[in-house]
Amino acid sequence: MSDQQPPSVRDEIETVRVRRSPKYGVFLALGAALGLLVAMILTFAFDGTAMESPNSGMQYSTTQVFGFVTLICVPVGIALAGALALILDRVVGRRTRDVRVDHESVNRPG
């Protein structure tokens, strides 16, 4: 015969507040991808690589121009997408709902 005590169970119904929020990582990744796409479009839409640069006196290849434009467009895309995510968080964050949840805890002695 064992003299173990039965587990004690506590069951509570609570009301919690739930709100939706955007996934910031997804927004930032999409902003970077959009910036990369814009950089590619700008690189191949304007064909200025055949001419010599008036500032440096050098002639840059298409790949170099793409790299330079990417260094500008990707951070701008990330910043714009992050700002959009923050705005959506503020707008959607105002809409909260109360939900009833069942909270159960079991404590086993011993």
PDB file of N, CA and C in Angstrom:
ATOM      1  N   MET A   1       0.818  -1.185   0.000  1.00  0.00           N
ATOM      2  CA  MET A   1       0.000   0.000   0.000  1.00  0.00           C
ATOM      3  C   MET A   1       0.858   1.243   0.000  1.00  0.00           C
ATOM      4  N   SER A   2       0.521   2.155  -0.846  1.00  0.00           N
ATOM      5  CA  SER A   2       1.256   3.409  -0.879  1.00  0.00           C
ATOM      6  C   SER A   2       0.384   4.504  -0.309  1.00  0.00           C
ATOM      7  N   ASP A   3       1.023   5.402   0.392  1.00  0.00           N
ATOM      8  CA  ASP A   3       0.265   6.502   0.964  1.00  0.00           C
ATOM      9  C   ASP A   3       0.561   7.798   0.207  1.00  0.00           C
ATOM     10  N   GLN A   4       0.432   7.713  -1.118  1.00  0.00           N
ATOM     11  CA  GLN A   4       0.602   8.903  -1.945  1.00  0.00           C
ATOM     12  C   GLN A   4      -0.692   9.690  -1.964  1.00  0.00           C
ATOM     13  N   GLN A   5      -0.532  10.986  -1.962  1.00  0.00           N
ATOM     14  CA  GLN A   5      -1.694  11.858  -2.017  1.00  0.00           C
ATOM     15  C   GLN A   5      -2.068  12.087  -3.481  1.00  0.00           C
ATOM     16  N   PRO A   6      -3.360  12.231  -3.747  1.00  0.00           N
ATOM     17  CA  PRO A   6      -3.751  12.531  -5.132  1.00  0.00           C
ATOM     18  C   PRO A   6      -3.311  13.938  -5.505  1.00  0.00           C
ATOM     19  N   PRO A   7      -3.058  14.177  -6.803  1.00  0.00           N
ATOM     20  CA  PRO A   7      -2.638  15.518  -7.227  1.00  0.00           C
ATOM     21  C   PRO A   7      -3.745  16.536  -6.999  1.00  0.00           C
ATOM     22  N   SER A   8      -3.344  17.738  -6.652  1.00  0.00           N
ATOM     23  CA  SER A   8      -4.331  18.800  -6.468  1.00  0.00           C
ATOM     24  C   SER A   8      -4.485  19.556  -7.794  1.00  0.00           C
ATOM     25  N   VAL A   9      -5.715  19.771  -8.155  1.00  0.00           N
ATOM     26  CA  VAL A   9      -6.029  20.433  -9.421  1.00  0.00           C
ATOM     27  C   VAL A   9      -6.714  21.757  -9.110  1.00  0.00           C
ATOM     28  N   ARG A  10      -6.208  22.814  -9.744  1.00  0.00           N
ATOM     29  CA  ARG A  10      -6.820  24.127  -9.603  1.00  0.00           C
ATOM     30  C   ARG A  10      -7.281  24.572 -10.988  1.00  0.00           C
ATOM     31  N   ASP A  11      -8.544  24.869 -11.105  1.00  0.00           N
ATOM     32  CA  ASP A  11      -9.128  25.239 -12.393  1.00  0.00           C
ATOM     33  C   ASP A  11      -9.737  26.626 -12.268  1.00  0.00           C
ATOM     34  N   GLU A  12      -9.252  27.543 -13.094  1.00  0.00           N
ATOM     35  CA  GLU A  12      -9.754  28.914 -13.064  1.00  0.00           C
ATOM     36  C   GLU A  12     -10.140  29.344 -14.471  1.00  0.00           C
ATOM     37  N   ILE A  13     -11.187  30.104 -14.571  1.00  0.00           N
ATOM     38  CA  ILE A  13     -11.562  30.716 -15.848  1.00  0.00           C
ATOM     39  C   ILE A  13     -11.228  32.193 -15.731  1.00  0.00           C
ATOM     40  N   GLU A  14     -10.350  32.644 -16.645  1.00  0.00           N
ATOM     41  CA  GLU A  14      -9.875  34.025 -16.614  1.00  0.00           C
ATOM     42  C   GLU A  14     -10.273  34.729 -17.900  1.00  0.00           C
ATOM     43  N   THR A  15     -10.305  36.034 -17.831  1.00  0.00           N
ATOM     44  CA  THR A  15     -10.549  36.851 -19.016  1.00  0.00           C
ATOM     45  C   THR A  15      -9.227  37.528 -19.379  1.00  0.00           C
ATOM     46  N   VAL A  16      -8.804  37.322 -20.631  1.00  0.00           N
ATOM     47  CA  VAL A  16      -7.571  37.939 -21.098  1.00  0.00           C
ATOM     48  C   VAL A  16      -7.887  38.816 -22.306  1.00  0.00           C
ATOM     49  N   ARG A  17      -7.016  39.780 -22.549  1.00  0.00           N
ATOM     50  CA  ARG A  17      -7.179  40.688 -23.675  1.00  0.00           C
ATOM     51  C   ARG A  17      -6.243  40.241 -24.798  1.00  0.00           C
ATOM     52  N   VAL A  18      -6.773  40.069 -26.010  1.00  0.00           N
ATOM     53  CA  VAL A  18      -6.010  39.587 -27.155  1.00  0.00           C
ATOM     54  C   VAL A  18      -6.010  40.662 -28.232  1.00  0.00           C
ATOM     55  N   ARG A  19      -4.836  40.875 -28.821  1.00  0.00           N
ATOM     56  CA  ARG A  19      -4.743  41.796 -29.946  1.00  0.00           C
ATOM     57  C   ARG A  19      -3.794  41.214 -30.979  1.00  0.00           C
ATOM     58  N   ARG A  20      -4.036  41.574 -32.211  1.00  0.00           N
ATOM     59  CA  ARG A  20      -3.188  41.102 -33.304  1.00  0.00           C
ATOM     60  C   ARG A  20      -2.070  42.101 -33.528  1.00  0.00           C
ATOM     61  N   SER A  21      -0.904  41.577 -33.935  1.00  0.00           N
ATOM     62  CA  SER A  21       0.212  42.470 -34.270  1.00  0.00           C
ATOM     63  C   SER A  21       0.947  41.885 -35.470  1.00  0.00           C
ATOM     64  N   PRO A  22       1.519  42.750 -36.292  1.00  0.00           N
ATOM     65  CA  PRO A  22       2.231  42.255 -37.478  1.00  0.00           C
ATOM     66  C   PRO A  22       3.536  41.576 -37.092  1.00  0.00           C
ATOM     67  N   LYS A  23       3.999  40.688 -37.955  1.00  0.00           N
ATOM     68  CA  LYS A  23       5.289  40.036 -37.766  1.00  0.00           C
ATOM     69  C   LYS A  23       6.356  40.925 -38.399  1.00  0.00           C
ATOM     70  N   TYR A  24       7.142  41.555 -37.554  1.00  0.00           N
ATOM     71  CA  TYR A  24       8.104  42.553 -38.025  1.00  0.00           C
ATOM     72  C   TYR A  24       9.175  41.950 -38.920  1.00  0.00           C
ATOM     73  N   GLY A  25       9.608  40.748 -38.626  1.00  0.00           N
ATOM     74  CA  GLY A  25      10.641  40.107 -39.442  1.00  0.00           C
ATOM     75  C   GLY A  25      10.199  39.913 -40.875  1.00  0.00           C
ATOM     76  N   VAL A  26       8.942  39.543 -41.057  1.00  0.00           N
ATOM     77  CA  VAL A  26       8.408  39.351 -42.412  1.00  0.00           C
ATOM     78  C   VAL A  26       8.366  40.678 -43.154  1.00  0.00           C
ATOM     79  N   PHE A  27       7.931  41.737 -42.459  1.00  0.00           N
ATOM     80  CA  PHE A  27       7.878  43.055 -43.095  1.00  0.00           C
ATOM     81  C   PHE A  27       9.271  43.525 -43.497  1.00  0.00           C
ATOM     82  N   LEU A  28      10.257  43.327 -42.617  1.00  0.00           N
ATOM     83  CA  LEU A  28      11.613  43.777 -42.924  1.00  0.00           C
ATOM     84  C   LEU A  28      12.221  42.978 -44.067  1.00  0.00           C
ATOM     85  N   ALA A  29      11.965  41.676 -44.108  1.00  0.00           N
ATOM     86  CA  ALA A  29      12.476  40.849 -45.206  1.00  0.00           C
ATOM     87  C   ALA A  29      11.832  41.250 -46.531  1.00  0.00           C
ATOM     88  N   LEU A  30      10.531  41.507 -46.511  1.00  0.00           N
ATOM     89  CA  LEU A  30       9.857  41.946 -47.736  1.00  0.00           C
ATOM     90  C   LEU A  30      10.354  43.324 -48.175  1.00  0.00           C
ATOM     91  N   GLY A  31      10.655  44.202 -47.222  1.00  0.00           N
ATOM     92  CA  GLY A  31      11.209  45.512 -47.559  1.00  0.00           C
ATOM     93  C   GLY A  31      12.576  45.386 -48.206  1.00  0.00           C
ATOM     94  N   ALA A  32      13.410  44.475 -47.692  1.00  0.00           N
ATOM     95  CA  ALA A  32      14.727  44.252 -48.288  1.00  0.00           C
ATOM     96  C   ALA A  32      14.592  43.679 -49.696  1.00  0.00           C
ATOM     97  N   ALA A  33      13.669  42.734 -49.875  1.00  0.00           N
ATOM     98  CA  ALA A  33      13.458  42.148 -51.205  1.00  0.00           C
ATOM     99  C   ALA A  33      12.931  43.194 -52.186  1.00  0.00           C
ATOM    100  N   LEU A  34      12.033  44.037 -51.723  1.00  0.00           N
ATOM    101  CA  LEU A  34      11.508  45.098 -52.583  1.00  0.00           C
ATOM    102  C   LEU A  34      12.607  46.094 -52.944  1.00  0.00           C
ATOM    103  N   GLY A  35      13.469  46.427 -51.985  1.00  0.00           N
ATOM    104  CA  GLY A  35      14.598  47.318 -52.266  1.00  0.00           C
ATOM    105  C   GLY A  35      15.553  46.721 -53.280  1.00  0.00           C
ATOM    106  N   LEU A  36      15.786  45.422 -53.189  1.00  0.00           N
ATOM    107  CA  LEU A  36      16.646  44.736 -54.153  1.00  0.00           C
ATOM    108  C   LEU A  36      16.024  44.758 -55.550  1.00  0.00           C
ATOM    109  N   LEU A  37      14.724  44.554 -55.619  1.00  0.00           N
ATOM    110  CA  LEU A  37      14.030  44.591 -56.903  1.00  0.00           C
ATOM    111  C   LEU A  37      14.084  45.992 -57.519  1.00  0.00           C
ATOM    112  N   VAL A  38      13.874  47.009 -56.695  1.00  0.00           N
ATOM    113  CA  VAL A  38      13.945  48.394 -57.187  1.00  0.00           C
ATOM    114  C   VAL A  38      15.357  48.717 -57.672  1.00  0.00           C
ATOM    115  N   ALA A  39      16.370  48.232 -56.950  1.00  0.00           N
ATOM    116  CA  ALA A  39      17.751  48.455 -57.367  1.00  0.00           C
ATOM    117  C   ALA A  39      18.020  47.804 -58.716  1.00  0.00           C
ATOM    118  N   MET A  40      17.487  46.609 -58.906  1.00  0.00           N
ATOM    119  CA  MET A  40      17.679  45.916 -60.188  1.00  0.00           C
ATOM    120  C   MET A  40      16.984  46.674 -61.321  1.00  0.00           C
ATOM    121  N   ILE A  41      15.779  47.134 -61.067  1.00  0.00           N
ATOM    122  CA  ILE A  41      15.048  47.886 -62.096  1.00  0.00           C
ATOM    123  C   ILE A  41      15.775  49.182 -62.438  1.00  0.00           C
ATOM    124  N   LEU A  42      16.228  49.904 -61.413  1.00  0.00           N
ATOM    125  CA  LEU A  42      16.934  51.165 -61.669  1.00  0.00           C
ATOM    126  C   LEU A  42      18.258  50.945 -62.395  1.00  0.00           C
ATOM    127  N   THR A  43      18.937  49.849 -62.088  1.00  0.00           N
ATOM    128  CA  THR A  43      20.222  49.579 -62.734  1.00  0.00           C
ATOM    129  C   THR A  43      20.051  49.325 -64.219  1.00  0.00           C
ATOM    130  N   PHE A  44      19.055  48.528 -64.577  1.00  0.00           N
ATOM    131  CA  PHE A  44      18.904  48.152 -65.980  1.00  0.00           C
ATOM    132  C   PHE A  44      17.991  49.090 -66.761  1.00  0.00           C
ATOM    133  N   ALA A  45      17.255  49.965 -66.080  1.00  0.00           N
ATOM    134  CA  ALA A  45      16.386  50.902 -66.785  1.00  0.00           C
ATOM    135  C   ALA A  45      17.181  52.076 -67.360  1.00  0.00           C
ATOM    136  N   PHE A  46      18.203  52.492 -66.655  1.00  0.00           N
ATOM    137  CA  PHE A  46      19.020  53.607 -67.105  1.00  0.00           C
ATOM    138  C   PHE A  46      20.406  53.084 -67.441  1.00  0.00           C
ATOM    139  N   ASP A  47      20.765  53.136 -68.699  1.00  0.00           N
ATOM    140  CA  ASP A  47      22.045  52.593 -69.133  1.00  0.00           C
ATOM    141  C   ASP A  47      23.072  53.717 -69.186  1.00  0.00           C
ATOM    142  N   GLY A  48      23.658  54.027 -68.027  1.00  0.00           N
ATOM    143  CA  GLY A  48      24.661  55.072 -67.987  1.00  0.00           C
ATOM    144  C   GLY A  48      26.043  54.531 -67.730  1.00  0.00           C
ATOM    145  N   THR A  49      26.197  53.200 -67.779  1.00  0.00           N
ATOM    146  CA  THR A  49      27.493  52.613 -67.446  1.00  0.00           C
ATOM    147  C   THR A  49      28.493  52.717 -68.582  1.00  0.00           C
ATOM    148  N   ALA A  50      28.055  53.046 -69.773  1.00  0.00           N
ATOM    149  CA  ALA A  50      28.984  53.154 -70.903  1.00  0.00           C
ATOM    150  C   ALA A  50      29.759  54.466 -70.852  1.00  0.00           C
ATOM    151  N   MET A  51      29.243  55.429 -70.093  1.00  0.00           N
ATOM    152  CA  MET A  51      29.902  56.732 -70.022  1.00  0.00           C
ATOM    153  C   MET A  51      30.834  56.793 -68.814  1.00  0.00           C
ATOM    154  N   GLU A  52      31.755  57.712 -68.877  1.00  0.00           N
ATOM    155  CA  GLU A  52      32.675  57.932 -67.770  1.00  0.00           C
ATOM    156  C   GLU A  52      31.989  58.790 -66.716  1.00  0.00           C
ATOM    157  N   SER A  53      32.212  58.490 -65.449  1.00  0.00           N
ATOM    158  CA  SER A  53      31.612  59.252 -64.358  1.00  0.00           C
ATOM    159  C   SER A  53      32.215  60.652 -64.311  1.00  0.00           C
ATOM    160  N   PRO A  54      31.376  61.694 -64.251  1.00  0.00           N
ATOM    161  CA  PRO A  54      31.921  63.057 -64.192  1.00  0.00           C
ATOM    162  C   PRO A  54      32.590  63.355 -62.852  1.00  0.00           C
ATOM    163  N   ASN A  55      32.231  62.640 -61.790  1.00  0.00           N
ATOM    164  CA  ASN A  55      32.784  62.905 -60.459  1.00  0.00           C
ATOM    165  C   ASN A  55      34.128  62.228 -60.237  1.00  0.00           C
ATOM    166  N   SER A  56      34.228  60.955 -60.654  1.00  0.00           N
ATOM    167  CA  SER A  56      35.456  60.208 -60.359  1.00  0.00           C
ATOM    168  C   SER A  56      36.333  59.980 -61.586  1.00  0.00           C
ATOM    169  N   GLY A  57      35.779  60.186 -62.763  1.00  0.00           N
ATOM    170  CA  GLY A  57      36.533  59.970 -63.980  1.00  0.00           C
ATOM    171  C   GLY A  57      36.705  58.496 -64.332  1.00  0.00           C
ATOM    172  N   MET A  58      35.959  57.625 -63.659  1.00  0.00           N
ATOM    173  CA  MET A  58      36.054  56.187 -63.918  1.00  0.00           C
ATOM    174  C   MET A  58      34.821  55.697 -64.658  1.00  0.00           C
ATOM    175  N   GLN A  59      34.946  54.545 -65.243  1.00  0.00           N
ATOM    176  CA  GLN A  59      33.824  53.909 -65.913  1.00  0.00           C
ATOM    177  C   GLN A  59      33.445  52.677 -65.090  1.00  0.00           C
ATOM    178  N   TYR A  60      32.173  52.606 -64.654  1.00  0.00           N
ATOM    179  CA  TYR A  60      31.713  51.526 -63.784  1.00  0.00           C
ATOM    180  C   TYR A  60      30.944  50.482 -64.582  1.00  0.00           C
ATOM    181  N   SER A  61      31.099  49.219 -64.189  1.00  0.00           N
ATOM    182  CA  SER A  61      30.354  48.147 -64.856  1.00  0.00           C
ATOM    183  C   SER A  61      28.927  48.107 -64.316  1.00  0.00           C
ATOM    184  N   THR A  62      28.086  47.352 -64.998  1.00  0.00           N
ATOM    185  CA  THR A  62      26.690  47.228 -64.569  1.00  0.00           C
ATOM    186  C   THR A  62      26.605  46.592 -63.188  1.00  0.00           C
ATOM    187  N   THR A  63      27.465  45.630 -62.910  1.00  0.00           N
ATOM    188  CA  THR A  63      27.468  44.973 -61.599  1.00  0.00           C
ATOM    189  C   THR A  63      27.850  45.950 -60.494  1.00  0.00           C
ATOM    190  N   GLN A  64      28.811  46.816 -60.750  1.00  0.00           N
ATOM    191  CA  GLN A  64      29.204  47.808 -59.757  1.00  0.00           C
ATOM    192  C   GLN A  64      28.080  48.807 -59.503  1.00  0.00           C
ATOM    193  N   VAL A  65      27.433  49.229 -60.572  1.00  0.00           N
ATOM    194  CA  VAL A  65      26.306  50.162 -60.424  1.00  0.00           C
ATOM    195  C   VAL A  65      25.193  49.504 -59.627  1.00  0.00           C
ATOM    196  N   PHE A  66      24.925  48.235 -59.915  1.00  0.00           N
ATOM    197  CA  PHE A  66      23.893  47.504 -59.168  1.00  0.00           C
ATOM    198  C   PHE A  66      24.260  47.443 -57.682  1.00  0.00           C
ATOM    199  N   GLY A  67      25.513  47.202 -57.377  1.00  0.00           N
ATOM    200  CA  GLY A  67      25.957  47.174 -55.981  1.00  0.00           C
ATOM    201  C   GLY A  67      25.764  48.502 -55.286  1.00  0.00           C
ATOM    202  N   PHE A  68      26.132  49.598 -55.963  1.00  0.00           N
ATOM    203  CA  PHE A  68      25.974  50.926 -55.374  1.00  0.00           C
ATOM    204  C   PHE A  68      24.499  51.251 -55.125  1.00  0.00           C
ATOM    205  N   VAL A  69      23.669  50.959 -56.112  1.00  0.00           N
ATOM    206  CA  VAL A  69      22.244  51.267 -55.983  1.00  0.00           C
ATOM    207  C   VAL A  69      21.599  50.371 -54.927  1.00  0.00           C
ATOM    208  N   THR A  70      22.073  49.129 -54.819  1.00  0.00           N
ATOM    209  CA  THR A  70      21.546  48.212 -53.805  1.00  0.00           C
ATOM    210  C   THR A  70      21.860  48.719 -52.402  1.00  0.00           C
ATOM    211  N   LEU A  71      23.057  49.292 -52.228  1.00  0.00           N
ATOM    212  CA  LEU A  71      23.427  49.832 -50.921  1.00  0.00           C
ATOM    213  C   LEU A  71      22.506  50.961 -50.467  1.00  0.00           C
ATOM    214  N   ILE A  72      21.825  51.583 -51.391  1.00  0.00           N
ATOM    215  CA  ILE A  72      20.887  52.648 -51.050  1.00  0.00           C
ATOM    216  C   ILE A  72      19.464  52.111 -50.940  1.00  0.00           C
ATOM    217  N   CYS A  73      19.055  51.301 -51.925  1.00  0.00           N
ATOM    218  CA  CYS A  73      17.653  50.873 -52.015  1.00  0.00           C
ATOM    219  C   CYS A  73      17.242  49.867 -50.932  1.00  0.00           C
ATOM    220  N   VAL A  74      18.132  48.949 -50.561  1.00  0.00           N
ATOM    221  CA  VAL A  74      17.759  47.936 -49.563  1.00  0.00           C
ATOM    222  C   VAL A  74      17.511  48.567 -48.185  1.00  0.00           C
ATOM    223  N   PRO A  75      18.400  49.424 -47.663  1.00  0.00           N
ATOM    224  CA  PRO A  75      18.075  50.053 -46.371  1.00  0.00           C
ATOM    225  C   PRO A  75      16.819  50.927 -46.411  1.00  0.00           C
ATOM    226  N   VAL A  76      16.611  51.602 -47.530  1.00  0.00           N
ATOM    227  CA  VAL A  76      15.403  52.423 -47.654  1.00  0.00           C
ATOM    228  C   VAL A  76      14.161  51.525 -47.653  1.00  0.00           C
ATOM    229  N   GLY A  77      14.222  50.392 -48.366  1.00  0.00           N
ATOM    230  CA  GLY A  77      13.100  49.447 -48.374  1.00  0.00           C
ATOM    231  C   GLY A  77      12.831  48.878 -46.994  1.00  0.00           C
ATOM    232  N   ILE A  78      13.898  48.555 -46.259  1.00  0.00           N
ATOM    233  CA  ILE A  78      13.730  48.029 -44.900  1.00  0.00           C
ATOM    234  C   ILE A  78      13.102  49.093 -43.995  1.00  0.00           C
ATOM    235  N   ALA A  79      13.558  50.330 -44.110  1.00  0.00           N
ATOM    236  CA  ALA A  79      13.019  51.408 -43.274  1.00  0.00           C
ATOM    237  C   ALA A  79      11.547  51.671 -43.581  1.00  0.00           C
ATOM    238  N   LEU A  80      11.198  51.689 -44.867  1.00  0.00           N
ATOM    239  CA  LEU A  80       9.795  51.927 -45.228  1.00  0.00           C
ATOM    240  C   LEU A  80       8.894  50.791 -44.771  1.00  0.00           C
ATOM    241  N   ALA A  81       9.349  49.555 -44.937  1.00  0.00           N
ATOM    242  CA  ALA A  81       8.543  48.406 -44.498  1.00  0.00           C
ATOM    243  C   ALA A  81       8.420  48.380 -42.981  1.00  0.00           C
ATOM    244  N   GLY A  82       9.488  48.749 -42.269  1.00  0.00           N
ATOM    245  CA  GLY A  82       9.412  48.822 -40.813  1.00  0.00           C
ATOM    246  C   GLY A  82       8.445  49.896 -40.351  1.00  0.00           C
ATOM    247  N   ALA A  83       8.459  51.031 -41.020  1.00  0.00           N
ATOM    248  CA  ALA A  83       7.515  52.101 -40.685  1.00  0.00           C
ATOM    249  C   ALA A  83       6.085  51.665 -40.952  1.00  0.00           C
ATOM    250  N   LEU A  84       5.868  50.959 -42.061  1.00  0.00           N
ATOM    251  CA  LEU A  84       4.533  50.446 -42.365  1.00  0.00           C
ATOM    252  C   LEU A  84       4.075  49.454 -41.301  1.00  0.00           C
ATOM    253  N   ALA A  85       4.984  48.583 -40.845  1.00  0.00           N
ATOM    254  CA  ALA A  85       4.629  47.617 -39.798  1.00  0.00           C
ATOM    255  C   ALA A  85       4.276  48.331 -38.496  1.00  0.00           C
ATOM    256  N   LEU A  86       5.017  49.387 -38.158  1.00  0.00           N
ATOM    257  CA  LEU A  86       4.695  50.147 -36.946  1.00  0.00           C
ATOM    258  C   LEU A  86       3.336  50.831 -37.050  1.00  0.00           C
ATOM    259  N   ILE A  87       3.042  51.395 -38.211  1.00  0.00           N
ATOM    260  CA  ILE A  87       1.739  52.047 -38.410  1.00  0.00           C
ATOM    261  C   ILE A  87       0.621  51.027 -38.313  1.00  0.00           C
ATOM    262  N   LEU A  88       0.799  49.874 -38.950  1.00  0.00           N
ATOM    263  CA  LEU A  88      -0.224  48.828 -38.859  1.00  0.00           C
ATOM    264  C   LEU A  88      -0.389  48.331 -37.430  1.00  0.00           C
ATOM    265  N   ASP A  89       0.700  48.253 -36.683  1.00  0.00           N
ATOM    266  CA  ASP A  89       0.617  47.818 -35.289  1.00  0.00           C
ATOM    267  C   ASP A  89      -0.191  48.802 -34.467  1.00  0.00           C
ATOM    268  N   ARG A  90      -0.003  50.085 -34.727  1.00  0.00           N
ATOM    269  CA  ARG A  90      -0.759  51.094 -33.983  1.00  0.00           C
ATOM    270  C   ARG A  90      -2.241  51.070 -34.354  1.00  0.00           C
ATOM    271  N   VAL A  91      -2.535  50.894 -35.632  1.00  0.00           N
ATOM    272  CA  VAL A  91      -3.936  50.897 -36.084  1.00  0.00           C
ATOM    273  C   VAL A  91      -4.643  49.627 -35.629  1.00  0.00           C
ATOM    274  N   VAL A  92      -4.017  48.480 -35.869  1.00  0.00           N
ATOM    275  CA  VAL A  92      -4.645  47.210 -35.521  1.00  0.00           C
ATOM    276  C   VAL A  92      -4.570  46.973 -34.014  1.00  0.00           C
ATOM    277  N   GLY A  93      -3.546  47.518 -33.361  1.00  0.00           N
ATOM    278  CA  GLY A  93      -3.371  47.323 -31.927  1.00  0.00           C
ATOM    279  C   GLY A  93      -4.474  47.935 -31.089  1.00  0.00           C
ATOM    280  N   ARG A  94      -5.184  48.865 -31.638  1.00  0.00           N
ATOM    281  CA  ARG A  94      -6.293  49.480 -30.900  1.00  0.00           C
ATOM    282  C   ARG A  94      -7.466  48.524 -30.770  1.00  0.00           C
ATOM    283  N   ARG A  95      -7.574  47.619 -31.718  1.00  0.00           N
ATOM    284  CA  ARG A  95      -8.686  46.673 -31.693  1.00  0.00           C
ATOM    285  C   ARG A  95      -8.303  45.459 -30.849  1.00  0.00           C
ATOM    286  N   THR A  96      -8.791  45.441 -29.637  1.00  0.00           N
ATOM    287  CA  THR A  96      -8.541  44.298 -28.768  1.00  0.00           C
ATOM    288  C   THR A  96      -9.865  43.617 -28.463  1.00  0.00           C
ATOM    289  N   ARG A  97      -9.761  42.352 -28.122  1.00  0.00           N
ATOM    290  CA  ARG A  97     -10.966  41.641 -27.716  1.00  0.00           C
ATOM    291  C   ARG A  97     -10.674  40.912 -26.416  1.00  0.00           C
ATOM    292  N   ASP A  98     -11.714  40.765 -25.624  1.00  0.00           N
ATOM    293  CA  ASP A  98     -11.599  39.999 -24.394  1.00  0.00           C
ATOM    294  C   ASP A  98     -12.027  38.560 -24.676  1.00  0.00           C
ATOM    295  N   VAL A  99     -11.202  37.636 -24.204  1.00  0.00           N
ATOM    296  CA  VAL A  99     -11.457  36.219 -24.440  1.00  0.00           C
ATOM    297  C   VAL A  99     -11.398  35.509 -23.095  1.00  0.00           C
ATOM    298  N   ARG A 100     -12.304  34.577 -22.896  1.00  0.00           N
ATOM    299  CA  ARG A 100     -12.291  33.784 -21.668  1.00  0.00           C
ATOM    300  C   ARG A 100     -11.470  32.524 -21.914  1.00  0.00           C
ATOM    301  N   VAL A 101     -10.531  32.263 -21.014  1.00  0.00           N
ATOM    302  CA  VAL A 101      -9.672  31.091 -21.141  1.00  0.00           C
ATOM    303  C   VAL A 101      -9.769  30.259 -19.871  1.00  0.00           C
ATOM    304  N   ASP A 102      -9.554  28.978 -20.035  1.00  0.00           N
ATOM    305  CA  ASP A 102      -9.560  28.045 -18.917  1.00  0.00           C
ATOM    306  C   ASP A 102      -8.117  27.774 -18.516  1.00  0.00           C
ATOM    307  N   HIS A 103      -7.762  28.165 -17.316  1.00  0.00           N
ATOM    308  CA  HIS A 103      -6.388  28.002 -16.804  1.00  0.00           C
ATOM    309  C   HIS A 103      -6.425  26.885 -15.771  1.00  0.00           C
ATOM    310  N   GLU A 104      -5.717  25.819 -16.076  1.00  0.00           N
ATOM    311  CA  GLU A 104      -5.713  24.659 -15.184  1.00  0.00           C
ATOM    312  C   GLU A 104      -4.290  24.368 -14.742  1.00  0.00           C
ATOM    313  N   SER A 105      -4.094  24.186 -13.424  1.00  0.00           N
ATOM    314  CA  SER A 105      -2.773  23.816 -12.926  1.00  0.00           C
ATOM    315  C   SER A 105      -2.909  22.588 -12.037  1.00  0.00           C
ATOM    316  N   VAL A 106      -1.985  21.660 -12.255  1.00  0.00           N
ATOM    317  CA  VAL A 106      -1.982  20.406 -11.510  1.00  0.00           C
ATOM    318  C   VAL A 106      -0.695  20.346 -10.723  1.00  0.00           C
ATOM    319  N   ASN A 107      -0.805  20.164  -9.424  1.00  0.00           N
ATOM    320  CA  ASN A 107       0.362  20.023  -8.551  1.00  0.00           C
ATOM    321  C   ASN A 107       0.399  18.596  -8.011  1.00  0.00           C
ATOM    322  N   ARG A 108       1.496  17.937  -8.299  1.00  0.00           N
ATOM    323  CA  ARG A 108       1.671  16.572  -7.783  1.00  0.00           C
ATOM    324  C   ARG A 108       2.581  16.610  -6.565  1.00  0.00           C
ATOM    325  N   PRO A 109       2.148  16.047  -5.498  1.00  0.00           N
ATOM    326  CA  PRO A 109       3.002  16.042  -4.303  1.00  0.00           C
ATOM    327  C   PRO A 109       4.159  15.066  -4.462  1.00  0.00           C
ATOM    328  N   GLY A 110       5.222  15.402  -3.836  1.00  0.00           N
ATOM    329  CA  GLY A 110       6.277  14.452  -3.736  1.00  0.00           C
ATOM    330  C   GLY A 110       7.404  14.478  -4.569  1.00  0.00           C
TER     331      GLY A 110
END
